[in-house]
Amino acid sequence: MIQRTLSKTQGRVFVALSQQKAELQRAYQEIQEAEAEQVEMLRVKYDLPEGRYSIRQEAGGEIVLFAVPEPEKAKPQVE
């Protein structure tokens, strides 16, 4: 195995990058939670059945709320 010990300065760069990455991940999580809240508010407003919904932008620019199909569970094969 090849390895090199980084200088203190190089190590600090990676520590700083790691902290920035953690901050961005927290911010991204907050955005996802806010988006989920908005989707749920729209689901309730339009009296849609419970389930997973998402948003997409159509080719014409319209933004559409749509139901995300639940993945089918694999059925065990009986031989």
Protein backbone atom coordinates (compact mmCIF):
# COMPACT_ATOMS: atom_id res chain seq x y z
CA MET A 1 0.00 0.00 0.00
CA ILE A 2 1.29 3.43 -0.93
CA GLN A 3 0.68 6.32 1.42
CA ARG A 4 2.00 9.78 2.15
CA THR A 5 1.68 11.90 5.23
CA LEU A 6 0.22 15.31 4.43
CA SER A 7 1.68 18.52 5.76
CA LYS A 8 -0.29 20.42 8.41
CA THR A 9 -1.37 22.94 5.78
CA GLN A 10 -2.58 20.20 3.44
CA GLY A 11 -4.40 18.54 6.32
CA ARG A 12 -6.13 21.81 7.22
CA VAL A 13 -7.34 22.15 3.63
CA PHE A 14 -9.04 18.74 3.83
CA VAL A 15 -10.51 19.51 7.25
CA ALA A 16 -11.95 22.78 5.91
CA LEU A 17 -13.35 21.01 2.84
CA SER A 18 -14.90 18.37 5.05
CA GLN A 19 -16.60 21.03 7.16
CA GLN A 20 -17.93 22.78 4.05
CA LYS A 21 -19.22 19.48 2.73
CA ALA A 22 -21.05 18.81 6.02
CA GLU A 23 -22.61 22.29 5.93
CA LEU A 24 -23.77 21.79 2.35
CA GLN A 25 -25.25 18.40 3.22
CA ARG A 26 -27.20 19.98 6.11
CA ALA A 27 -28.46 22.77 3.84
CA TYR A 28 -29.47 20.25 1.18
CA GLN A 29 -31.36 18.22 3.79
CA GLU A 30 -33.22 21.36 4.89
CA ILE A 31 -34.16 22.09 1.28
CA GLN A 32 -35.44 18.54 0.80
CA GLU A 33 -37.54 18.81 3.96
CA ALA A 34 -38.99 22.17 2.87
CA GLU A 35 -39.81 20.73 -0.55
CA ALA A 36 -41.53 17.73 1.04
CA GLU A 37 -43.62 20.07 3.24
CA GLN A 38 -44.71 22.08 0.19
CA VAL A 39 -45.61 18.92 -1.72
CA GLU A 40 -47.65 17.67 1.25
CA MET A 41 -49.46 21.02 1.52
CA LEU A 42 -50.38 20.81 -2.17
CA ARG A 43 -51.51 17.20 -1.79
CA VAL A 44 -53.86 18.24 1.00
CA LYS A 45 -55.02 21.37 -0.85
CA TYR A 46 -55.97 19.35 -3.93
CA ASP A 47 -57.45 16.54 -1.79
CA LEU A 48 -55.20 13.91 -3.34
CA PRO A 49 -54.86 10.46 -1.79
CA GLU A 50 -51.94 9.80 0.51
CA GLY A 51 -48.78 8.54 -1.10
CA ARG A 52 -45.52 9.78 -2.52
CA TYR A 53 -45.65 12.82 -4.78
CA SER A 54 -43.01 14.79 -6.60
CA ILE A 55 -42.69 17.83 -8.82
CA ARG A 56 -41.38 18.02 -12.37
CA GLN A 57 -41.17 20.67 -15.04
CA GLU A 58 -42.71 19.76 -18.37
CA ALA A 59 -41.22 20.67 -21.76
CA GLY A 60 -43.67 23.60 -22.07
CA GLY A 61 -42.51 25.04 -18.73
CA GLU A 62 -45.49 23.88 -16.66
CA ILE A 63 -44.70 22.55 -13.22
CA VAL A 64 -46.64 19.40 -12.39
CA LEU A 65 -47.32 17.61 -9.10
CA PHE A 66 -47.49 13.87 -9.76
CA ALA A 67 -47.89 10.65 -7.81
CA VAL A 68 -44.76 8.52 -7.65
CA PRO A 69 -45.68 4.87 -8.21
CA GLU A 70 -44.70 2.57 -5.37
CA PRO A 71 -42.10 0.02 -6.42
CA GLU A 72 -43.51 -3.46 -6.74
CA LYS A 73 -42.20 -5.84 -4.14
CA ALA A 74 -40.54 -8.88 -5.58
CA LYS A 75 -42.72 -11.92 -5.15
CA PRO A 76 -40.93 -15.09 -4.09
CA GLN A 77 -40.95 -17.65 -6.86
CA VAL A 78 -42.57 -20.92 -5.97
CA GLU A 79 -41.12 -23.91 -7.75
